[in-house]
Amino acid sequence: MIIIDTNVWVSFFKGEKKALPLKDLIVENQCLLHPYVYGELLLGGLTVKAEELLGVLEKIPVTDEETVYQFIREEQVNSRGIGWVDVNILVSALSRKYRVFTFDQNLSKLCTEYHCNLP
């Protein structure tokens, strides 16, 4: 299963070519929706059709904050160019053995280091 980052959804909804692989993942029921990603998408504005699509995806639980804080400290991912939503996606993927589909270079680099990046 694959957590889809906000930037991939935005590209997909804009019809950008680089996001085309997402269509197959949706059809194959491989997409997971992180609540923070959903929140970012809602804040950016969604069409009714986009909101309906996101509404049928499996939503993963948010990892508790202390676990995320511990990961940041122990793995020293501070000052690596990722934000709170990114680190939550990463920790969720690692704790549940999911992969991550992102266009964010910094998050992608970390996901590659932790072997959870979508190849």
PDB file of N, CA and C in Angstrom:
ATOM      1  N   MET A   1       0.843  -1.181   0.000  1.00  0.00           N
ATOM      2  CA  MET A   1       0.000   0.000   0.000  1.00  0.00           C
ATOM      3  C   MET A   1       0.890   1.247   0.000  1.00  0.00           C
ATOM      4  N   ILE A   2       0.343   2.326  -0.528  1.00  0.00           N
ATOM      5  CA  ILE A   2       1.162   3.508  -0.797  1.00  0.00           C
ATOM      6  C   ILE A   2       0.467   4.777  -0.288  1.00  0.00           C
ATOM      7  N   ILE A   3       1.186   5.529   0.531  1.00  0.00           N
ATOM      8  CA  ILE A   3       0.695   6.835   0.976  1.00  0.00           C
ATOM      9  C   ILE A   3       1.017   7.844  -0.125  1.00  0.00           C
ATOM     10  N   ILE A   4       0.013   8.560  -0.568  1.00  0.00           N
ATOM     11  CA  ILE A   4       0.184   9.546  -1.635  1.00  0.00           C
ATOM     12  C   ILE A   4       0.332  10.928  -1.007  1.00  0.00           C
ATOM     13  N   ASP A   5       1.429  11.600  -1.334  1.00  0.00           N
ATOM     14  CA  ASP A   5       1.703  12.928  -0.793  1.00  0.00           C
ATOM     15  C   ASP A   5       0.819  13.978  -1.483  1.00  0.00           C
ATOM     16  N   THR A   6       0.642  15.087  -0.807  1.00  0.00           N
ATOM     17  CA  THR A   6      -0.201  16.179  -1.297  1.00  0.00           C
ATOM     18  C   THR A   6       0.196  16.632  -2.698  1.00  0.00           C
ATOM     19  N   ASN A   7       1.496  16.788  -2.936  1.00  0.00           N
ATOM     20  CA  ASN A   7       1.946  17.313  -4.229  1.00  0.00           C
ATOM     21  C   ASN A   7       1.601  16.381  -5.387  1.00  0.00           C
ATOM     22  N   VAL A   8       1.533  15.092  -5.122  1.00  0.00           N
ATOM     23  CA  VAL A   8       1.147  14.142  -6.173  1.00  0.00           C
ATOM     24  C   VAL A   8      -0.336  14.309  -6.497  1.00  0.00           C
ATOM     25  N   TRP A   9      -1.160  14.440  -5.454  1.00  0.00           N
ATOM     26  CA  TRP A   9      -2.591  14.655  -5.686  1.00  0.00           C
ATOM     27  C   TRP A   9      -2.841  15.946  -6.456  1.00  0.00           C
ATOM     28  N   VAL A  10      -2.160  17.006  -6.073  1.00  0.00           N
ATOM     29  CA  VAL A  10      -2.338  18.293  -6.758  1.00  0.00           C
ATOM     30  C   VAL A  10      -1.985  18.156  -8.235  1.00  0.00           C
ATOM     31  N   SER A  11      -0.864  17.510  -8.527  1.00  0.00           N
ATOM     32  CA  SER A  11      -0.455  17.292  -9.925  1.00  0.00           C
ATOM     33  C   SER A  11      -1.469  16.436 -10.666  1.00  0.00           C
ATOM     34  N   PHE A  12      -1.970  15.411  -9.994  1.00  0.00           N
ATOM     35  CA  PHE A  12      -2.956  14.515 -10.597  1.00  0.00           C
ATOM     36  C   PHE A  12      -4.238  15.273 -10.943  1.00  0.00           C
ATOM     37  N   PHE A  13      -4.732  16.058 -10.007  1.00  0.00           N
ATOM     38  CA  PHE A  13      -5.969  16.806 -10.242  1.00  0.00           C
ATOM     39  C   PHE A  13      -5.793  17.885 -11.307  1.00  0.00           C
ATOM     40  N   LYS A  14      -4.565  18.348 -11.513  1.00  0.00           N
ATOM     41  CA  LYS A  14      -4.277  19.305 -12.586  1.00  0.00           C
ATOM     42  C   LYS A  14      -4.080  18.610 -13.929  1.00  0.00           C
ATOM     43  N   GLY A  15      -4.015  17.280 -13.927  1.00  0.00           N
ATOM     44  CA  GLY A  15      -3.832  16.527 -15.162  1.00  0.00           C
ATOM     45  C   GLY A  15      -2.399  16.479 -15.661  1.00  0.00           C
ATOM     46  N   GLU A  16      -1.445  16.697 -14.779  1.00  0.00           N
ATOM     47  CA  GLU A  16      -0.039  16.687 -15.182  1.00  0.00           C
ATOM     48  C   GLU A  16       0.447  15.261 -15.450  1.00  0.00           C
ATOM     49  N   LYS A  17       1.256  15.122 -16.497  1.00  0.00           N
ATOM     50  CA  LYS A  17       1.740  13.809 -16.926  1.00  0.00           C
ATOM     51  C   LYS A  17       2.498  13.060 -15.844  1.00  0.00           C
ATOM     52  N   LYS A  18       3.301  13.780 -15.067  1.00  0.00           N
ATOM     53  CA  LYS A  18       4.132  13.101 -14.079  1.00  0.00           C
ATOM     54  C   LYS A  18       3.303  12.373 -13.021  1.00  0.00           C
ATOM     55  N   ALA A  19       2.038  12.732 -12.889  1.00  0.00           N
ATOM     56  CA  ALA A  19       1.171  12.092 -11.902  1.00  0.00           C
ATOM     57  C   ALA A  19       0.329  10.964 -12.488  1.00  0.00           C
ATOM     58  N   LEU A  20       0.488  10.676 -13.768  1.00  0.00           N
ATOM     59  CA  LEU A  20      -0.318   9.623 -14.399  1.00  0.00           C
ATOM     60  C   LEU A  20      -0.218   8.257 -13.722  1.00  0.00           C
ATOM     61  N   PRO A  21       0.941   7.860 -13.174  1.00  0.00           N
ATOM     62  CA  PRO A  21       0.990   6.559 -12.490  1.00  0.00           C
ATOM     63  C   PRO A  21      -0.017   6.435 -11.345  1.00  0.00           C
ATOM     64  N   LEU A  22      -0.466   7.565 -10.818  1.00  0.00           N
ATOM     65  CA  LEU A  22      -1.439   7.526  -9.731  1.00  0.00           C
ATOM     66  C   LEU A  22      -2.753   6.897 -10.177  1.00  0.00           C
ATOM     67  N   LYS A  23      -3.119   7.086 -11.432  1.00  0.00           N
ATOM     68  CA  LYS A  23      -4.378   6.516 -11.934  1.00  0.00           C
ATOM     69  C   LYS A  23      -4.384   5.001 -11.769  1.00  0.00           C
ATOM     70  N   ASP A  24      -3.279   4.351 -12.136  1.00  0.00           N
ATOM     71  CA  ASP A  24      -3.195   2.895 -11.987  1.00  0.00           C
ATOM     72  C   ASP A  24      -3.253   2.482 -10.521  1.00  0.00           C
ATOM     73  N   LEU A  25      -2.604   3.237  -9.664  1.00  0.00           N
ATOM     74  CA  LEU A  25      -2.626   2.917  -8.235  1.00  0.00           C
ATOM     75  C   LEU A  25      -4.039   3.032  -7.669  1.00  0.00           C
ATOM     76  N   ILE A  26      -4.795   4.011  -8.155  1.00  0.00           N
ATOM     77  CA  ILE A  26      -6.183   4.165  -7.716  1.00  0.00           C
ATOM     78  C   ILE A  26      -7.007   2.965  -8.169  1.00  0.00           C
ATOM     79  N   VAL A  27      -6.867   2.605  -9.440  1.00  0.00           N
ATOM     80  CA  VAL A  27      -7.616   1.473  -9.996  1.00  0.00           C
ATOM     81  C   VAL A  27      -7.270   0.178  -9.258  1.00  0.00           C
ATOM     82  N   GLU A  28      -5.993   0.028  -8.907  1.00  0.00           N
ATOM     83  CA  GLU A  28      -5.526  -1.178  -8.211  1.00  0.00           C
ATOM     84  C   GLU A  28      -5.778  -1.126  -6.703  1.00  0.00           C
ATOM     85  N   ASN A  29      -6.442  -0.081  -6.241  1.00  0.00           N
ATOM     86  CA  ASN A  29      -6.772   0.098  -4.828  1.00  0.00           C
ATOM     87  C   ASN A  29      -5.524   0.054  -3.939  1.00  0.00           C
ATOM     88  N   GLN A  30      -4.468   0.730  -4.370  1.00  0.00           N
ATOM     89  CA  GLN A  30      -3.197   0.745  -3.647  1.00  0.00           C
ATOM     90  C   GLN A  30      -2.950   2.048  -2.889  1.00  0.00           C
ATOM     91  N   CYS A  31      -3.854   3.018  -3.015  1.00  0.00           N
ATOM     92  CA  CYS A  31      -3.635   4.351  -2.442  1.00  0.00           C
ATOM     93  C   CYS A  31      -4.154   4.448  -1.012  1.00  0.00           C
ATOM     94  N   LEU A  32      -3.344   5.089  -0.197  1.00  0.00           N
ATOM     95  CA  LEU A  32      -3.740   5.398   1.170  1.00  0.00           C
ATOM     96  C   LEU A  32      -3.759   6.911   1.336  1.00  0.00           C
ATOM     97  N   LEU A  33      -4.700   7.390   2.123  1.00  0.00           N
ATOM     98  CA  LEU A  33      -4.830   8.827   2.346  1.00  0.00           C
ATOM     99  C   LEU A  33      -4.481   9.144   3.796  1.00  0.00           C
ATOM    100  N   HIS A  34      -3.439   9.940   3.982  1.00  0.00           N
ATOM    101  CA  HIS A  34      -3.075  10.398   5.323  1.00  0.00           C
ATOM    102  C   HIS A  34      -3.977  11.576   5.671  1.00  0.00           C
ATOM    103  N   PRO A  35      -4.509  11.625   6.884  1.00  0.00           N
ATOM    104  CA  PRO A  35      -5.411  12.718   7.258  1.00  0.00           C
ATOM    105  C   PRO A  35      -4.809  14.112   7.076  1.00  0.00           C
ATOM    106  N   TYR A  36      -3.505  14.258   7.289  1.00  0.00           N
ATOM    107  CA  TYR A  36      -2.878  15.570   7.113  1.00  0.00           C
ATOM    108  C   TYR A  36      -2.822  15.963   5.639  1.00  0.00           C
ATOM    109  N   VAL A  37      -2.641  14.986   4.771  1.00  0.00           N
ATOM    110  CA  VAL A  37      -2.668  15.245   3.327  1.00  0.00           C
ATOM    111  C   VAL A  37      -4.078  15.676   2.923  1.00  0.00           C
ATOM    112  N   TYR A  38      -5.068  14.964   3.432  1.00  0.00           N
ATOM    113  CA  TYR A  38      -6.455  15.315   3.130  1.00  0.00           C
ATOM    114  C   TYR A  38      -6.750  16.749   3.590  1.00  0.00           C
ATOM    115  N   GLY A  39      -6.281  17.105   4.776  1.00  0.00           N
ATOM    116  CA  GLY A  39      -6.473  18.461   5.281  1.00  0.00           C
ATOM    117  C   GLY A  39      -5.832  19.511   4.390  1.00  0.00           C
ATOM    118  N   GLU A  40      -4.610  19.237   3.933  1.00  0.00           N
ATOM    119  CA  GLU A  40      -3.943  20.179   3.029  1.00  0.00           C
ATOM    120  C   GLU A  40      -4.719  20.330   1.730  1.00  0.00           C
ATOM    121  N   LEU A  41      -5.223  19.228   1.208  1.00  0.00           N
ATOM    122  CA  LEU A  41      -5.986  19.282  -0.039  1.00  0.00           C
ATOM    123  C   LEU A  41      -7.289  20.058   0.143  1.00  0.00           C
ATOM    124  N   LEU A  42      -7.958  19.853   1.268  1.00  0.00           N
ATOM    125  CA  LEU A  42      -9.183  20.609   1.542  1.00  0.00           C
ATOM    126  C   LEU A  42      -8.900  22.106   1.625  1.00  0.00           C
ATOM    127  N   LEU A  43      -7.800  22.461   2.266  1.00  0.00           N
ATOM    128  CA  LEU A  43      -7.442  23.877   2.382  1.00  0.00           C
ATOM    129  C   LEU A  43      -7.121  24.495   1.030  1.00  0.00           C
ATOM    130  N   GLY A  44      -6.600  23.686   0.113  1.00  0.00           N
ATOM    131  CA  GLY A  44      -6.267  24.178  -1.218  1.00  0.00           C
ATOM    132  C   GLY A  44      -7.469  24.284  -2.130  1.00  0.00           C
ATOM    133  N   GLY A  45      -8.566  23.665  -1.735  1.00  0.00           N
ATOM    134  CA  GLY A  45      -9.776  23.684  -2.550  1.00  0.00           C
ATOM    135  C   GLY A  45      -9.863  22.458  -3.426  1.00  0.00           C
ATOM    136  N   LEU A  46     -10.953  21.744  -3.323  1.00  0.00           N
ATOM    137  CA  LEU A  46     -11.169  20.525  -4.096  1.00  0.00           C
ATOM    138  C   LEU A  46     -12.471  20.635  -4.877  1.00  0.00           C
ATOM    139  N   THR A  47     -12.480  20.047  -6.054  1.00  0.00           N
ATOM    140  CA  THR A  47     -13.736  19.923  -6.784  1.00  0.00           C
ATOM    141  C   THR A  47     -14.575  18.852  -6.095  1.00  0.00           C
ATOM    142  N   VAL A  48     -15.844  18.833  -6.388  1.00  0.00           N
ATOM    143  CA  VAL A  48     -16.727  17.809  -5.827  1.00  0.00           C
ATOM    144  C   VAL A  48     -16.238  16.426  -6.247  1.00  0.00           C
ATOM    145  N   LYS A  49     -15.848  16.302  -7.506  1.00  0.00           N
ATOM    146  CA  LYS A  49     -15.372  15.016  -8.024  1.00  0.00           C
ATOM    147  C   LYS A  49     -14.104  14.559  -7.293  1.00  0.00           C
ATOM    148  N   ALA A  50     -13.176  15.475  -7.071  1.00  0.00           N
ATOM    149  CA  ALA A  50     -11.935  15.133  -6.362  1.00  0.00           C
ATOM    150  C   ALA A  50     -12.237  14.725  -4.928  1.00  0.00           C
ATOM    151  N   GLU A  51     -13.135  15.450  -4.284  1.00  0.00           N
ATOM    152  CA  GLU A  51     -13.482  15.119  -2.903  1.00  0.00           C
ATOM    153  C   GLU A  51     -14.171  13.760  -2.817  1.00  0.00           C
ATOM    154  N   GLU A  52     -14.991  13.439  -3.807  1.00  0.00           N
ATOM    155  CA  GLU A  52     -15.634  12.122  -3.840  1.00  0.00           C
ATOM    156  C   GLU A  52     -14.598  11.017  -3.985  1.00  0.00           C
ATOM    157  N   LEU A  53     -13.618  11.219  -4.858  1.00  0.00           N
ATOM    158  CA  LEU A  53     -12.558  10.226  -5.042  1.00  0.00           C
ATOM    159  C   LEU A  53     -11.797  10.012  -3.739  1.00  0.00           C
ATOM    160  N   LEU A  54     -11.385  11.089  -3.110  1.00  0.00           N
ATOM    161  CA  LEU A  54     -10.633  10.976  -1.860  1.00  0.00           C
ATOM    162  C   LEU A  54     -11.475  10.334  -0.759  1.00  0.00           C
ATOM    163  N   GLY A  55     -12.771  10.553  -0.815  1.00  0.00           N
ATOM    164  CA  GLY A  55     -13.666  10.009   0.202  1.00  0.00           C
ATOM    165  C   GLY A  55     -13.762   8.502   0.222  1.00  0.00           C
ATOM    166  N   VAL A  56     -13.439   7.856  -0.879  1.00  0.00           N
ATOM    167  CA  VAL A  56     -13.530   6.393  -0.920  1.00  0.00           C
ATOM    168  C   VAL A  56     -12.194   5.711  -0.624  1.00  0.00           C
ATOM    169  N   LEU A  57     -11.130   6.490  -0.491  1.00  0.00           N
ATOM    170  CA  LEU A  57      -9.821   5.901  -0.219  1.00  0.00           C
ATOM    171  C   LEU A  57      -9.690   5.513   1.249  1.00  0.00           C
ATOM    172  N   GLU A  58      -8.861   4.499   1.484  1.00  0.00           N
ATOM    173  CA  GLU A  58      -8.581   4.094   2.862  1.00  0.00           C
ATOM    174  C   GLU A  58      -7.758   5.181   3.546  1.00  0.00           C
ATOM    175  N   LYS A  59      -8.228   5.609   4.698  1.00  0.00           N
ATOM    176  CA  LYS A  59      -7.509   6.621   5.468  1.00  0.00           C
ATOM    177  C   LYS A  59      -6.732   5.927   6.581  1.00  0.00           C
ATOM    178  N   ILE A  60      -5.484   6.316   6.724  1.00  0.00           N
ATOM    179  CA  ILE A  60      -4.660   5.703   7.757  1.00  0.00           C
ATOM    180  C   ILE A  60      -4.733   6.540   9.027  1.00  0.00           C
ATOM    181  N   PRO A  61      -4.513   5.914  10.173  1.00  0.00           N
ATOM    182  CA  PRO A  61      -4.530   6.692  11.412  1.00  0.00           C
ATOM    183  C   PRO A  61      -3.297   7.579  11.530  1.00  0.00           C
ATOM    184  N   VAL A  62      -3.448   8.668  12.236  1.00  0.00           N
ATOM    185  CA  VAL A  62      -2.328   9.561  12.513  1.00  0.00           C
ATOM    186  C   VAL A  62      -1.451   8.898  13.575  1.00  0.00           C
ATOM    187  N   THR A  63      -0.151   8.919  13.365  1.00  0.00           N
ATOM    188  CA  THR A  63       0.787   8.403  14.356  1.00  0.00           C
ATOM    189  C   THR A  63       0.841   9.381  15.526  1.00  0.00           C
ATOM    190  N   ASP A  64       0.897   8.842  16.752  1.00  0.00           N
ATOM    191  CA  ASP A  64       0.887   9.741  17.905  1.00  0.00           C
ATOM    192  C   ASP A  64       2.120  10.647  17.897  1.00  0.00           C
ATOM    193  N   GLU A  65       1.931  11.845  18.404  1.00  0.00           N
ATOM    194  CA  GLU A  65       2.971  12.877  18.344  1.00  0.00           C
ATOM    195  C   GLU A  65       4.271  12.457  19.005  1.00  0.00           C
ATOM    196  N   GLU A  66       4.200  11.776  20.138  1.00  0.00           N
ATOM    197  CA  GLU A  66       5.421  11.377  20.847  1.00  0.00           C
ATOM    198  C   GLU A  66       6.279  10.450  19.993  1.00  0.00           C
ATOM    199  N   THR A  67       5.644   9.577  19.238  1.00  0.00           N
ATOM    200  CA  THR A  67       6.383   8.684  18.337  1.00  0.00           C
ATOM    201  C   THR A  67       7.093   9.492  17.263  1.00  0.00           C
ATOM    202  N   VAL A  68       6.412  10.493  16.742  1.00  0.00           N
ATOM    203  CA  VAL A  68       7.014  11.347  15.710  1.00  0.00           C
ATOM    204  C   VAL A  68       8.157  12.166  16.307  1.00  0.00           C
ATOM    205  N   TYR A  69       7.943  12.736  17.488  1.00  0.00           N
ATOM    206  CA  TYR A  69       9.012  13.499  18.149  1.00  0.00           C
ATOM    207  C   TYR A  69      10.248  12.627  18.371  1.00  0.00           C
ATOM    208  N   GLN A  70      10.013  11.405  18.848  1.00  0.00           N
ATOM    209  CA  GLN A  70      11.115  10.473  19.104  1.00  0.00           C
ATOM    210  C   GLN A  70      11.868  10.160  17.809  1.00  0.00           C
ATOM    211  N   PHE A  71      11.127   9.943  16.728  1.00  0.00           N
ATOM    212  CA  PHE A  71      11.758   9.668  15.435  1.00  0.00           C
ATOM    213  C   PHE A  71      12.630  10.842  15.001  1.00  0.00           C
ATOM    214  N   ILE A  72      12.116  12.052  15.131  1.00  0.00           N
ATOM    215  CA  ILE A  72      12.876  13.246  14.736  1.00  0.00           C
ATOM    216  C   ILE A  72      14.186  13.318  15.518  1.00  0.00           C
ATOM    217  N   ARG A  73      14.100  13.087  16.824  1.00  0.00           N
ATOM    218  CA  ARG A  73      15.299  13.160  17.668  1.00  0.00           C
ATOM    219  C   ARG A  73      16.284  12.032  17.366  1.00  0.00           C
ATOM    220  N   GLU A  74      15.781  10.805  17.359  1.00  0.00           N
ATOM    221  CA  GLU A  74      16.666   9.645  17.215  1.00  0.00           C
ATOM    222  C   GLU A  74      17.268   9.536  15.823  1.00  0.00           C
ATOM    223  N   GLU A  75      16.491   9.849  14.814  1.00  0.00           N
ATOM    224  CA  GLU A  75      16.969   9.707  13.434  1.00  0.00           C
ATOM    225  C   GLU A  75      17.589  11.000  12.902  1.00  0.00           C
ATOM    226  N   GLN A  76      17.519  12.043  13.704  1.00  0.00           N
ATOM    227  CA  GLN A  76      18.114  13.334  13.362  1.00  0.00           C
ATOM    228  C   GLN A  76      17.688  13.822  11.964  1.00  0.00           C
ATOM    229  N   VAL A  77      16.377  13.839  11.764  1.00  0.00           N
ATOM    230  CA  VAL A  77      15.854  14.302  10.474  1.00  0.00           C
ATOM    231  C   VAL A  77      15.531  15.798  10.490  1.00  0.00           C
ATOM    232  N   ASN A  78      15.848  16.458  11.613  1.00  0.00           N
ATOM    233  CA  ASN A  78      15.681  17.910  11.643  1.00  0.00           C
ATOM    234  C   ASN A  78      16.669  18.541  10.663  1.00  0.00           C
ATOM    235  N   SER A  79      16.323  19.679  10.164  1.00  0.00           N
ATOM    236  CA  SER A  79      17.160  20.423   9.196  1.00  0.00           C
ATOM    237  C   SER A  79      17.441  19.628   7.926  1.00  0.00           C
ATOM    238  N   ARG A  80      16.507  18.755   7.551  1.00  0.00           N
ATOM    239  CA  ARG A  80      16.650  17.981   6.316  1.00  0.00           C
ATOM    240  C   ARG A  80      15.683  18.464   5.241  1.00  0.00           C
ATOM    241  N   GLY A  81      15.003  19.578   5.504  1.00  0.00           N
ATOM    242  CA  GLY A  81      14.145  20.178   4.490  1.00  0.00           C
ATOM    243  C   GLY A  81      12.743  19.614   4.412  1.00  0.00           C
ATOM    244  N   ILE A  82      12.319  18.897   5.458  1.00  0.00           N
ATOM    245  CA  ILE A  82      10.948  18.392   5.467  1.00  0.00           C
ATOM    246  C   ILE A  82      10.173  19.081   6.579  1.00  0.00           C
ATOM    247  N   GLY A  83       8.858  19.085   6.433  1.00  0.00           N
ATOM    248  CA  GLY A  83       7.992  19.713   7.419  1.00  0.00           C
ATOM    249  C   GLY A  83       7.230  18.679   8.229  1.00  0.00           C
ATOM    250  N   TRP A  84       6.326  19.185   9.051  1.00  0.00           N
ATOM    251  CA  TRP A  84       5.557  18.344   9.963  1.00  0.00           C
ATOM    252  C   TRP A  84       4.711  17.310   9.219  1.00  0.00           C
ATOM    253  N   VAL A  85       4.048  17.704   8.164  1.00  0.00           N
ATOM    254  CA  VAL A  85       3.233  16.746   7.404  1.00  0.00           C
ATOM    255  C   VAL A  85       4.132  15.676   6.790  1.00  0.00           C
ATOM    256  N   ASP A  86       5.267  16.097   6.232  1.00  0.00           N
ATOM    257  CA  ASP A  86       6.197  15.147   5.611  1.00  0.00           C
ATOM    258  C   ASP A  86       6.701  14.111   6.605  1.00  0.00           C
ATOM    259  N   VAL A  87       7.127  14.557   7.776  1.00  0.00           N
ATOM    260  CA  VAL A  87       7.665  13.604   8.753  1.00  0.00           C
ATOM    261  C   VAL A  87       6.564  12.674   9.251  1.00  0.00           C
ATOM    262  N   ASN A  88       5.348  13.165   9.339  1.00  0.00           N
ATOM    263  CA  ASN A  88       4.235  12.293   9.726  1.00  0.00           C
ATOM    264  C   ASN A  88       3.957  11.242   8.663  1.00  0.00           C
ATOM    265  N   ILE A  89       4.041  11.620   7.403  1.00  0.00           N
ATOM    266  CA  ILE A  89       3.886  10.647   6.318  1.00  0.00           C
ATOM    267  C   ILE A  89       4.984   9.596   6.413  1.00  0.00           C
ATOM    268  N   LEU A  90       6.219  10.037   6.600  1.00  0.00           N
ATOM    269  CA  LEU A  90       7.359   9.122   6.676  1.00  0.00           C
ATOM    270  C   LEU A  90       7.219   8.149   7.844  1.00  0.00           C
ATOM    271  N   VAL A  91       6.907   8.648   9.026  1.00  0.00           N
ATOM    272  CA  VAL A  91       6.772   7.784  10.201  1.00  0.00           C
ATOM    273  C   VAL A  91       5.603   6.814  10.024  1.00  0.00           C
ATOM    274  N   SER A  92       4.510   7.283   9.457  1.00  0.00           N
ATOM    275  CA  SER A  92       3.371   6.389   9.190  1.00  0.00           C
ATOM    276  C   SER A  92       3.768   5.267   8.246  1.00  0.00           C
ATOM    277  N   ALA A  93       4.516   5.613   7.218  1.00  0.00           N
ATOM    278  CA  ALA A  93       4.963   4.601   6.253  1.00  0.00           C
ATOM    279  C   ALA A  93       5.885   3.588   6.917  1.00  0.00           C
ATOM    280  N   LEU A  94       6.821   4.058   7.687  1.00  0.00           N
ATOM    281  CA  LEU A  94       7.785   3.156   8.320  1.00  0.00           C
ATOM    282  C   LEU A  94       7.131   2.264   9.366  1.00  0.00           C
ATOM    283  N   SER A  95       6.214   2.808  10.135  1.00  0.00           N
ATOM    284  CA  SER A  95       5.603   2.024  11.212  1.00  0.00           C
ATOM    285  C   SER A  95       4.622   0.978  10.695  1.00  0.00           C
ATOM    286  N   ARG A  96       4.139   1.163   9.480  1.00  0.00           N
ATOM    287  CA  ARG A  96       3.151   0.219   8.939  1.00  0.00           C
ATOM    288  C   ARG A  96       3.631  -0.494   7.673  1.00  0.00           C
ATOM    289  N   LYS A  97       4.900  -0.274   7.338  1.00  0.00           N
ATOM    290  CA  LYS A  97       5.514  -0.896   6.154  1.00  0.00           C
ATOM    291  C   LYS A  97       4.802  -0.507   4.852  1.00  0.00           C
ATOM    292  N   TYR A  98       4.431   0.768   4.753  1.00  0.00           N
ATOM    293  CA  TYR A  98       3.860   1.322   3.537  1.00  0.00           C
ATOM    294  C   TYR A  98       4.967   1.987   2.733  1.00  0.00           C
ATOM    295  N   ARG A  99       4.667   2.302   1.490  1.00  0.00           N
ATOM    296  CA  ARG A  99       5.578   3.093   0.663  1.00  0.00           C
ATOM    297  C   ARG A  99       4.983   4.487   0.490  1.00  0.00           C
ATOM    298  N   VAL A 100       5.803   5.395  -0.024  1.00  0.00           N
ATOM    299  CA  VAL A 100       5.380   6.785  -0.191  1.00  0.00           C
ATOM    300  C   VAL A 100       5.592   7.206  -1.639  1.00  0.00           C
ATOM    301  N   PHE A 101       4.585   7.847  -2.221  1.00  0.00           N
ATOM    302  CA  PHE A 101       4.676   8.433  -3.554  1.00  0.00           C
ATOM    303  C   PHE A 101       4.666   9.944  -3.360  1.00  0.00           C
ATOM    304  N   THR A 102       5.806  10.583  -3.647  1.00  0.00           N
ATOM    305  CA  THR A 102       5.941  12.026  -3.475  1.00  0.00           C
ATOM    306  C   THR A 102       6.779  12.610  -4.595  1.00  0.00           C
ATOM    307  N   PHE A 103       6.552  13.888  -4.887  1.00  0.00           N
ATOM    308  CA  PHE A 103       7.407  14.628  -5.810  1.00  0.00           C
ATOM    309  C   PHE A 103       8.340  15.567  -5.043  1.00  0.00           C
ATOM    310  N   ASP A 104       8.213  15.603  -3.732  1.00  0.00           N
ATOM    311  CA  ASP A 104       9.059  16.447  -2.896  1.00  0.00           C
ATOM    312  C   ASP A 104      10.451  15.820  -2.811  1.00  0.00           C
ATOM    313  N   GLN A 105      11.461  16.541  -3.249  1.00  0.00           N
ATOM    314  CA  GLN A 105      12.816  15.984  -3.317  1.00  0.00           C
ATOM    315  C   GLN A 105      13.369  15.615  -1.948  1.00  0.00           C
ATOM    316  N   ASN A 106      13.137  16.444  -0.959  1.00  0.00           N
ATOM    317  CA  ASN A 106      13.677  16.158   0.372  1.00  0.00           C
ATOM    318  C   ASN A 106      12.999  14.956   1.016  1.00  0.00           C
ATOM    319  N   LEU A 107      11.687  14.889   0.910  1.00  0.00           N
ATOM    320  CA  LEU A 107      10.971  13.732   1.449  1.00  0.00           C
ATOM    321  C   LEU A 107      11.339  12.479   0.669  1.00  0.00           C
ATOM    322  N   SER A 108      11.438  12.596  -0.641  1.00  0.00           N
ATOM    323  CA  SER A 108      11.809  11.451  -1.473  1.00  0.00           C
ATOM    324  C   SER A 108      13.183  10.905  -1.085  1.00  0.00           C
ATOM    325  N   LYS A 109      14.114  11.800  -0.833  1.00  0.00           N
ATOM    326  CA  LYS A 109      15.461  11.376  -0.441  1.00  0.00           C
ATOM    327  C   LYS A 109      15.422  10.600   0.874  1.00  0.00           C
ATOM    328  N   LEU A 110      14.675  11.102   1.846  1.00  0.00           N
ATOM    329  CA  LEU A 110      14.557  10.397   3.118  1.00  0.00           C
ATOM    330  C   LEU A 110      13.851   9.057   2.948  1.00  0.00           C
ATOM    331  N   CYS A 111      12.804   9.035   2.144  1.00  0.00           N
ATOM    332  CA  CYS A 111      12.096   7.775   1.899  1.00  0.00           C
ATOM    333  C   CYS A 111      13.013   6.758   1.233  1.00  0.00           C
ATOM    334  N   THR A 112      13.871   7.213   0.350  1.00  0.00           N
ATOM    335  CA  THR A 112      14.841   6.320  -0.279  1.00  0.00           C
ATOM    336  C   THR A 112      15.810   5.782   0.771  1.00  0.00           C
ATOM    337  N   GLU A 113      16.289   6.646   1.650  1.00  0.00           N
ATOM    338  CA  GLU A 113      17.198   6.219   2.716  1.00  0.00           C
ATOM    339  C   GLU A 113      16.557   5.167   3.617  1.00  0.00           C
ATOM    340  N   TYR A 114      15.263   5.299   3.855  1.00  0.00           N
ATOM    341  CA  TYR A 114      14.548   4.374   4.740  1.00  0.00           C
ATOM    342  C   TYR A 114      13.825   3.262   3.964  1.00  0.00           C
ATOM    343  N   HIS A 115      14.081   3.187   2.675  1.00  0.00           N
ATOM    344  CA  HIS A 115      13.560   2.114   1.813  1.00  0.00           C
ATOM    345  C   HIS A 115      12.034   2.053   1.777  1.00  0.00           C
ATOM    346  N   CYS A 116      11.399   3.225   1.740  1.00  0.00           N
ATOM    347  CA  CYS A 116       9.940   3.223   1.620  1.00  0.00           C
ATOM    348  C   CYS A 116       9.466   4.099   0.467  1.00  0.00           C
ATOM    349  N   ASN A 117      10.396   4.509  -0.402  1.00  0.00           N
ATOM    350  CA  ASN A 117      10.031   5.339  -1.546  1.00  0.00           C
ATOM    351  C   ASN A 117       9.431   4.467  -2.639  1.00  0.00           C
ATOM    352  N   LEU A 118       8.473   5.012  -3.343  1.00  0.00           N
ATOM    353  CA  LEU A 118       7.908   4.289  -4.482  1.00  0.00           C
ATOM    354  C   LEU A 118       8.957   4.261  -5.581  1.00  0.00           C
ATOM    355  N   PRO A 119       9.326   3.071  -6.044  1.00  0.00           N
ATOM    356  CA  PRO A 119      10.384   2.998  -7.085  1.00  0.00           C
ATOM    357  C   PRO A 119       9.954   3.629  -8.394  1.00  0.00           C
TER     358      PRO A 119
END
